[in-house]
Amino acid sequence: MKRSLLSAMTAVAIAGCGSNSEKLIAIGGVVELDGKPVAKAAVMLHHDAGRTAYAITAEDGTFKMTTREPGDGALAGRHTVTVSLTLQEGGVQPDANNLEDYSHPIAAEKLIHVVPAIYNNPKTSPLAFVIEKPTNALKIELKGK
């Protein structure tokens, strides 16, 4: 009895983690804020079924989404999109060797939202896309304050 219960619990746990057989669609594009590319922003596609794909934008604002392996894409379907880029003033600063110098205060003195905070949360982001086929032309246009 203990063995069957353990097997059943394991099966449920594995099923809840998603399947490697889920078909992913290659997705890439560009993030712009007020018409200008946004570098080093975190982009996330939140699928309605719960699976999330992510990317970090390059210097020119381009990105390729990742779910399991770099650039493998996202699930087909509707996604809420979040984009985040926050800079910190104060806190740990790099030393002359570009290493973290803990002799400086660790708590941030000020956080600057380069991308407006409305885009940081799937509950407040007005951005959504339906992914149906591969593309490298997904354009995420953000508006400043």
N, C-alpha and C. Protein backbone atom coordinates (compact mmCIF):
# COMPACT_ATOMS: atom_id res chain seq x y z
N MET A 1 0.82 -1.19 0.00
CA MET A 1 0.00 0.00 0.00
C MET A 1 0.87 1.25 0.00
N LYS A 2 1.92 1.26 0.85
CA LYS A 2 2.78 2.43 0.90
C LYS A 2 3.44 2.68 -0.44
N ARG A 3 3.83 1.59 -1.11
CA ARG A 3 4.51 1.73 -2.40
C ARG A 3 3.56 2.34 -3.44
N SER A 4 2.28 1.90 -3.50
CA SER A 4 1.35 2.46 -4.49
C SER A 4 1.06 3.92 -4.21
N LEU A 5 0.93 4.28 -2.94
CA LEU A 5 0.69 5.67 -2.59
C LEU A 5 1.87 6.53 -3.00
N LEU A 6 3.08 6.06 -2.76
CA LEU A 6 4.28 6.79 -3.15
C LEU A 6 4.35 6.92 -4.67
N SER A 7 4.04 5.84 -5.39
CA SER A 7 4.04 5.87 -6.86
C SER A 7 3.00 6.86 -7.38
N ALA A 8 1.81 6.86 -6.79
CA ALA A 8 0.75 7.77 -7.22
C ALA A 8 1.15 9.22 -6.96
N MET A 9 1.75 9.47 -5.78
CA MET A 9 2.19 10.84 -5.46
C MET A 9 3.29 11.29 -6.41
N THR A 10 4.20 10.40 -6.75
CA THR A 10 5.27 10.73 -7.68
C THR A 10 4.69 11.04 -9.05
N ALA A 11 3.73 10.27 -9.51
CA ALA A 11 3.11 10.50 -10.82
C ALA A 11 2.41 11.86 -10.86
N VAL A 12 1.71 12.21 -9.79
CA VAL A 12 1.05 13.51 -9.72
C VAL A 12 2.08 14.63 -9.73
N ALA A 13 3.15 14.49 -8.99
CA ALA A 13 4.19 15.51 -8.94
C ALA A 13 4.83 15.71 -10.30
N ILE A 14 5.11 14.62 -11.00
CA ILE A 14 5.73 14.73 -12.32
C ILE A 14 4.76 15.36 -13.30
N ALA A 15 3.50 14.99 -13.27
CA ALA A 15 2.51 15.55 -14.19
C ALA A 15 2.36 17.05 -13.97
N GLY A 16 2.47 17.50 -12.72
CA GLY A 16 2.32 18.91 -12.42
C GLY A 16 3.48 19.76 -12.87
N CYS A 17 4.62 19.17 -13.18
CA CYS A 17 5.81 19.93 -13.56
C CYS A 17 5.86 20.27 -15.03
N GLY A 18 4.93 19.78 -15.83
CA GLY A 18 4.98 20.03 -17.26
C GLY A 18 5.73 18.92 -17.94
N SER A 19 5.54 18.83 -19.23
CA SER A 19 6.11 17.73 -19.98
C SER A 19 7.16 18.23 -20.94
N ASN A 20 8.23 17.45 -21.09
CA ASN A 20 9.24 17.80 -22.08
C ASN A 20 8.73 17.56 -23.49
N SER A 21 7.57 16.91 -23.64
CA SER A 21 7.01 16.66 -24.95
C SER A 21 6.12 17.82 -25.42
N GLU A 22 5.91 18.83 -24.56
CA GLU A 22 5.11 19.99 -24.96
C GLU A 22 5.80 20.66 -26.15
N LYS A 23 5.02 20.94 -27.19
CA LYS A 23 5.57 21.55 -28.39
C LYS A 23 5.79 23.04 -28.14
N LEU A 24 7.03 23.46 -28.32
CA LEU A 24 7.37 24.86 -28.16
C LEU A 24 7.50 25.51 -29.53
N ILE A 25 7.16 26.79 -29.60
CA ILE A 25 7.24 27.55 -30.84
C ILE A 25 8.32 28.61 -30.68
N ALA A 26 9.25 28.66 -31.62
CA ALA A 26 10.35 29.64 -31.57
C ALA A 26 9.78 31.05 -31.67
N ILE A 27 10.09 31.87 -30.66
CA ILE A 27 9.57 33.24 -30.59
C ILE A 27 10.72 34.18 -30.28
N GLY A 28 10.80 35.25 -31.03
CA GLY A 28 11.79 36.29 -30.78
C GLY A 28 11.18 37.61 -31.20
N GLY A 29 11.88 38.67 -30.89
CA GLY A 29 11.37 39.98 -31.26
C GLY A 29 12.22 41.09 -30.68
N VAL A 30 11.57 42.21 -30.41
CA VAL A 30 12.27 43.38 -29.89
C VAL A 30 11.37 44.09 -28.87
N VAL A 31 12.01 44.68 -27.86
CA VAL A 31 11.31 45.49 -26.87
C VAL A 31 11.73 46.93 -27.08
N GLU A 32 10.73 47.82 -27.18
CA GLU A 32 10.99 49.24 -27.32
C GLU A 32 10.21 50.01 -26.27
N LEU A 33 10.85 51.04 -25.72
CA LEU A 33 10.21 51.96 -24.78
C LEU A 33 10.19 53.32 -25.45
N ASP A 34 9.00 53.84 -25.71
CA ASP A 34 8.84 55.11 -26.43
C ASP A 34 9.63 55.12 -27.74
N GLY A 35 9.59 53.98 -28.45
CA GLY A 35 10.21 53.88 -29.76
C GLY A 35 11.70 53.58 -29.77
N LYS A 36 12.32 53.42 -28.58
CA LYS A 36 13.76 53.14 -28.50
C LYS A 36 13.98 51.75 -27.92
N PRO A 37 14.97 50.99 -28.46
CA PRO A 37 15.23 49.64 -27.94
C PRO A 37 15.62 49.66 -26.46
N VAL A 38 15.19 48.62 -25.75
CA VAL A 38 15.51 48.50 -24.32
C VAL A 38 16.48 47.33 -24.14
N ALA A 39 17.69 47.63 -23.67
CA ALA A 39 18.72 46.61 -23.43
C ALA A 39 18.62 46.06 -22.02
N LYS A 40 18.95 44.80 -21.85
CA LYS A 40 19.06 44.13 -20.55
C LYS A 40 17.76 44.04 -19.76
N ALA A 41 16.62 44.08 -20.46
CA ALA A 41 15.32 43.95 -19.79
C ALA A 41 14.95 42.47 -19.69
N ALA A 42 14.24 42.12 -18.64
CA ALA A 42 13.71 40.77 -18.47
C ALA A 42 12.32 40.72 -19.11
N VAL A 43 12.15 39.80 -20.06
CA VAL A 43 10.88 39.62 -20.75
C VAL A 43 10.32 38.26 -20.34
N MET A 44 9.04 38.22 -19.97
CA MET A 44 8.42 36.94 -19.60
C MET A 44 7.08 36.82 -20.30
N LEU A 45 6.85 35.63 -20.86
CA LEU A 45 5.55 35.29 -21.44
C LEU A 45 4.88 34.32 -20.48
N HIS A 46 3.79 34.75 -19.87
CA HIS A 46 3.07 33.95 -18.88
C HIS A 46 1.89 33.28 -19.58
N HIS A 47 2.01 31.98 -19.87
CA HIS A 47 0.96 31.23 -20.55
C HIS A 47 -0.24 31.09 -19.63
N ASP A 48 -1.43 31.13 -20.21
CA ASP A 48 -2.65 30.99 -19.41
C ASP A 48 -2.69 29.68 -18.63
N ALA A 49 -1.99 28.64 -19.13
CA ALA A 49 -1.97 27.34 -18.44
C ALA A 49 -0.90 27.29 -17.34
N GLY A 50 -0.12 28.37 -17.18
CA GLY A 50 0.83 28.43 -16.08
C GLY A 50 2.30 28.32 -16.46
N ARG A 51 2.64 27.89 -17.66
CA ARG A 51 4.05 27.75 -18.08
C ARG A 51 4.58 29.12 -18.49
N THR A 52 5.80 29.46 -18.07
CA THR A 52 6.39 30.76 -18.37
C THR A 52 7.65 30.59 -19.21
N ALA A 53 7.77 31.44 -20.22
CA ALA A 53 8.99 31.53 -21.02
C ALA A 53 9.65 32.87 -20.68
N TYR A 54 10.97 32.93 -20.84
CA TYR A 54 11.69 34.16 -20.45
C TYR A 54 12.82 34.47 -21.42
N ALA A 55 13.29 35.72 -21.35
CA ALA A 55 14.44 36.15 -22.15
C ALA A 55 15.00 37.42 -21.51
N ILE A 56 16.25 37.71 -21.83
CA ILE A 56 16.88 38.99 -21.49
C ILE A 56 17.21 39.66 -22.81
N THR A 57 16.84 40.93 -22.95
CA THR A 57 17.06 41.61 -24.21
C THR A 57 18.54 41.93 -24.42
N ALA A 58 18.95 41.89 -25.69
CA ALA A 58 20.32 42.26 -26.08
C ALA A 58 20.42 43.80 -26.12
N GLU A 59 21.60 44.30 -26.42
CA GLU A 59 21.82 45.75 -26.48
C GLU A 59 20.87 46.45 -27.45
N ASP A 60 20.47 45.75 -28.53
CA ASP A 60 19.56 46.35 -29.52
C ASP A 60 18.09 46.07 -29.21
N GLY A 61 17.80 45.54 -28.02
CA GLY A 61 16.43 45.28 -27.60
C GLY A 61 15.85 43.96 -28.07
N THR A 62 16.62 43.18 -28.84
CA THR A 62 16.10 41.92 -29.37
C THR A 62 16.18 40.82 -28.32
N PHE A 63 15.35 39.79 -28.52
CA PHE A 63 15.32 38.67 -27.59
C PHE A 63 14.87 37.41 -28.30
N LYS A 64 15.17 36.25 -27.70
CA LYS A 64 14.66 34.94 -28.11
C LYS A 64 14.17 34.24 -26.84
N MET A 65 12.92 33.80 -26.85
CA MET A 65 12.30 33.24 -25.66
C MET A 65 12.84 31.84 -25.35
N THR A 66 12.91 31.54 -24.04
CA THR A 66 13.38 30.26 -23.53
C THR A 66 12.36 29.70 -22.55
N THR A 67 12.04 28.41 -22.71
CA THR A 67 11.21 27.72 -21.73
C THR A 67 12.04 26.69 -20.98
N ARG A 68 12.74 25.81 -21.72
CA ARG A 68 13.58 24.79 -21.08
C ARG A 68 15.04 24.94 -21.44
N GLU A 69 15.32 25.23 -22.71
CA GLU A 69 16.69 25.38 -23.19
C GLU A 69 16.80 26.72 -23.91
N PRO A 70 17.98 27.34 -23.91
CA PRO A 70 18.11 28.67 -24.52
C PRO A 70 17.55 28.76 -25.94
N GLY A 71 16.61 29.70 -26.11
CA GLY A 71 16.04 29.98 -27.42
C GLY A 71 15.04 28.97 -27.93
N ASP A 72 14.56 28.04 -27.07
CA ASP A 72 13.65 27.00 -27.56
C ASP A 72 12.22 27.48 -27.78
N GLY A 73 11.86 28.65 -27.27
CA GLY A 73 10.55 29.23 -27.55
C GLY A 73 9.56 29.16 -26.40
N ALA A 74 8.27 29.22 -26.77
CA ALA A 74 7.19 29.26 -25.80
C ALA A 74 6.06 28.36 -26.29
N LEU A 75 5.15 28.03 -25.38
CA LEU A 75 3.98 27.22 -25.74
C LEU A 75 3.04 28.03 -26.63
N ALA A 76 2.30 27.34 -27.48
CA ALA A 76 1.25 27.98 -28.27
C ALA A 76 0.15 28.42 -27.32
N GLY A 77 -0.54 29.49 -27.67
CA GLY A 77 -1.66 29.96 -26.87
C GLY A 77 -1.50 31.40 -26.43
N ARG A 78 -2.39 31.80 -25.53
CA ARG A 78 -2.40 33.18 -25.04
C ARG A 78 -1.39 33.35 -23.91
N HIS A 79 -0.67 34.47 -23.98
CA HIS A 79 0.34 34.81 -22.96
C HIS A 79 0.16 36.25 -22.51
N THR A 80 0.21 36.47 -21.21
CA THR A 80 0.35 37.82 -20.69
C THR A 80 1.85 38.11 -20.68
N VAL A 81 2.23 39.31 -21.10
CA VAL A 81 3.64 39.66 -21.23
C VAL A 81 4.04 40.63 -20.13
N THR A 82 5.18 40.33 -19.48
CA THR A 82 5.74 41.28 -18.54
C THR A 82 7.15 41.63 -18.99
N VAL A 83 7.52 42.88 -18.73
CA VAL A 83 8.86 43.37 -19.04
C VAL A 83 9.33 44.16 -17.83
N SER A 84 10.57 43.91 -17.41
CA SER A 84 11.09 44.57 -16.22
C SER A 84 12.53 44.98 -16.42
N LEU A 85 12.83 46.20 -16.00
CA LEU A 85 14.22 46.67 -15.94
C LEU A 85 14.28 47.72 -14.84
N THR A 86 14.97 47.37 -13.77
CA THR A 86 15.09 48.24 -12.61
C THR A 86 16.56 48.45 -12.31
N LEU A 87 16.94 49.70 -12.12
CA LEU A 87 18.31 50.04 -11.73
C LEU A 87 18.33 50.39 -10.26
N GLN A 88 19.44 50.12 -9.63
CA GLN A 88 19.59 50.37 -8.20
C GLN A 88 20.63 51.44 -7.98
N GLU A 89 20.28 52.44 -7.19
CA GLU A 89 21.27 53.41 -6.73
C GLU A 89 21.59 53.07 -5.29
N GLY A 90 22.86 53.13 -4.94
CA GLY A 90 23.26 52.73 -3.61
C GLY A 90 23.41 51.23 -3.56
N GLY A 91 23.45 50.67 -2.38
CA GLY A 91 23.63 49.22 -2.27
C GLY A 91 25.07 48.84 -2.55
N VAL A 92 25.29 47.61 -2.92
CA VAL A 92 26.64 47.10 -3.16
C VAL A 92 27.16 47.68 -4.47
N GLN A 93 28.32 48.24 -4.41
CA GLN A 93 28.94 48.86 -5.58
C GLN A 93 30.18 48.08 -5.98
N PRO A 94 30.54 48.11 -7.27
CA PRO A 94 31.76 47.41 -7.69
C PRO A 94 33.01 48.16 -7.22
N ASP A 95 34.07 47.39 -6.92
CA ASP A 95 35.34 48.00 -6.56
C ASP A 95 36.17 48.22 -7.82
N ALA A 96 37.44 48.56 -7.68
CA ALA A 96 38.31 48.85 -8.82
C ALA A 96 38.47 47.65 -9.75
N ASN A 97 38.28 46.43 -9.22
CA ASN A 97 38.40 45.22 -10.03
C ASN A 97 37.04 44.74 -10.56
N ASN A 98 36.02 45.59 -10.43
CA ASN A 98 34.66 45.30 -10.86
C ASN A 98 34.04 44.12 -10.10
N LEU A 99 34.47 43.94 -8.85
CA LEU A 99 33.89 42.93 -7.96
C LEU A 99 33.02 43.65 -6.93
N GLU A 100 32.07 42.93 -6.35
CA GLU A 100 31.21 43.56 -5.35
C GLU A 100 32.01 43.96 -4.13
N ASP A 101 31.85 45.19 -3.69
CA ASP A 101 32.56 45.72 -2.54
C ASP A 101 31.57 45.86 -1.38
N TYR A 102 31.62 44.92 -0.46
CA TYR A 102 30.66 44.90 0.64
C TYR A 102 30.96 45.92 1.74
N SER A 103 31.97 46.75 1.55
CA SER A 103 32.21 47.80 2.52
C SER A 103 31.23 48.96 2.31
N HIS A 104 30.54 48.94 1.17
CA HIS A 104 29.49 49.94 0.91
C HIS A 104 28.17 49.41 1.45
N PRO A 105 27.21 50.30 1.71
CA PRO A 105 25.91 49.84 2.20
C PRO A 105 25.28 48.82 1.25
N ILE A 106 24.61 47.81 1.83
CA ILE A 106 24.00 46.77 1.02
C ILE A 106 22.58 47.15 0.61
N ALA A 107 21.84 47.83 1.46
CA ALA A 107 20.47 48.20 1.12
C ALA A 107 20.47 49.27 0.04
N ALA A 108 19.62 49.08 -0.97
CA ALA A 108 19.51 50.07 -2.04
C ALA A 108 18.95 51.37 -1.50
N GLU A 109 19.54 52.47 -1.94
CA GLU A 109 19.03 53.77 -1.53
C GLU A 109 17.84 54.17 -2.38
N LYS A 110 17.86 53.73 -3.64
CA LYS A 110 16.79 54.11 -4.56
C LYS A 110 16.71 53.08 -5.68
N LEU A 111 15.49 52.68 -6.03
CA LEU A 111 15.26 51.82 -7.19
C LEU A 111 14.64 52.67 -8.29
N ILE A 112 15.17 52.56 -9.48
CA ILE A 112 14.66 53.31 -10.62
C ILE A 112 14.05 52.33 -11.61
N HIS A 113 12.77 52.47 -11.87
CA HIS A 113 12.08 51.62 -12.84
C HIS A 113 12.31 52.22 -14.23
N VAL A 114 13.24 51.64 -14.99
CA VAL A 114 13.48 52.10 -16.36
C VAL A 114 12.23 51.79 -17.19
N VAL A 115 11.71 50.58 -17.02
CA VAL A 115 10.43 50.20 -17.61
C VAL A 115 9.37 50.47 -16.55
N PRO A 116 8.31 51.22 -16.88
CA PRO A 116 7.29 51.52 -15.88
C PRO A 116 6.77 50.26 -15.18
N ALA A 117 6.52 50.39 -13.88
CA ALA A 117 6.15 49.25 -13.03
C ALA A 117 4.89 48.53 -13.49
N ILE A 118 4.00 49.18 -14.21
CA ILE A 118 2.77 48.52 -14.68
C ILE A 118 3.08 47.29 -15.53
N TYR A 119 4.23 47.30 -16.24
CA TYR A 119 4.61 46.19 -17.12
C TYR A 119 5.32 45.05 -16.37
N ASN A 120 5.62 45.24 -15.07
CA ASN A 120 6.39 44.26 -14.29
C ASN A 120 5.58 43.09 -13.76
N ASN A 121 4.27 43.21 -13.74
CA ASN A 121 3.42 42.23 -13.06
C ASN A 121 2.36 41.71 -14.02
N PRO A 122 2.19 40.38 -14.11
CA PRO A 122 1.16 39.86 -15.02
C PRO A 122 -0.26 40.31 -14.65
N LYS A 123 -0.48 40.71 -13.41
CA LYS A 123 -1.81 41.17 -13.00
C LYS A 123 -2.10 42.60 -13.47
N THR A 124 -1.04 43.39 -13.72
CA THR A 124 -1.24 44.78 -14.13
C THR A 124 -0.81 45.07 -15.56
N SER A 125 -0.04 44.18 -16.15
CA SER A 125 0.45 44.42 -17.51
C SER A 125 -0.70 44.40 -18.51
N PRO A 126 -0.78 45.42 -19.37
CA PRO A 126 -1.81 45.44 -20.40
C PRO A 126 -1.41 44.64 -21.65
N LEU A 127 -0.22 44.04 -21.63
CA LEU A 127 0.32 43.36 -22.81
C LEU A 127 -0.07 41.90 -22.85
N ALA A 128 -0.56 41.45 -24.01
CA ALA A 128 -0.88 40.04 -24.20
C ALA A 128 -0.73 39.70 -25.68
N PHE A 129 -0.30 38.47 -25.94
CA PHE A 129 -0.14 37.98 -27.30
C PHE A 129 -0.66 36.55 -27.37
N VAL A 130 -1.14 36.18 -28.55
CA VAL A 130 -1.48 34.79 -28.82
C VAL A 130 -0.39 34.24 -29.73
N ILE A 131 0.30 33.21 -29.28
CA ILE A 131 1.38 32.58 -30.05
C ILE A 131 0.79 31.42 -30.83
N GLU A 132 0.90 31.48 -32.15
CA GLU A 132 0.37 30.42 -33.00
C GLU A 132 1.42 29.82 -33.92
N LYS A 133 2.42 30.63 -34.32
CA LYS A 133 3.44 30.14 -35.24
C LYS A 133 4.77 30.83 -34.93
N PRO A 134 5.88 30.24 -35.38
CA PRO A 134 7.20 30.83 -35.10
C PRO A 134 7.33 32.23 -35.69
N THR A 135 8.02 33.09 -34.96
CA THR A 135 8.30 34.44 -35.45
C THR A 135 9.50 35.01 -34.72
N ASN A 136 10.22 35.88 -35.40
CA ASN A 136 11.28 36.68 -34.78
C ASN A 136 10.89 38.15 -34.85
N ALA A 137 9.60 38.42 -35.09
CA ALA A 137 9.13 39.79 -35.30
C ALA A 137 8.12 40.24 -34.25
N LEU A 138 8.12 39.62 -33.07
CA LEU A 138 7.22 40.05 -32.01
C LEU A 138 7.71 41.40 -31.50
N LYS A 139 6.88 42.41 -31.63
CA LYS A 139 7.29 43.75 -31.20
C LYS A 139 6.52 44.12 -29.94
N ILE A 140 7.29 44.33 -28.87
CA ILE A 140 6.69 44.72 -27.59
C ILE A 140 6.94 46.21 -27.42
N GLU A 141 5.88 46.99 -27.56
CA GLU A 141 6.00 48.44 -27.50
C GLU A 141 5.50 48.93 -26.14
N LEU A 142 6.39 49.57 -25.40
CA LEU A 142 6.08 50.08 -24.07
C LEU A 142 5.99 51.59 -24.12
N LYS A 143 5.15 52.13 -23.27
CA LYS A 143 5.00 53.59 -23.15
C LYS A 143 5.56 54.05 -21.81
N GLY A 144 6.36 55.11 -21.85
CA GLY A 144 6.93 55.67 -20.61
C GLY A 144 5.85 56.38 -19.81
N LYS A 145 6.30 56.96 -18.71
CA LYS A 145 5.35 57.60 -17.79
C LYS A 145 4.66 58.78 -18.38
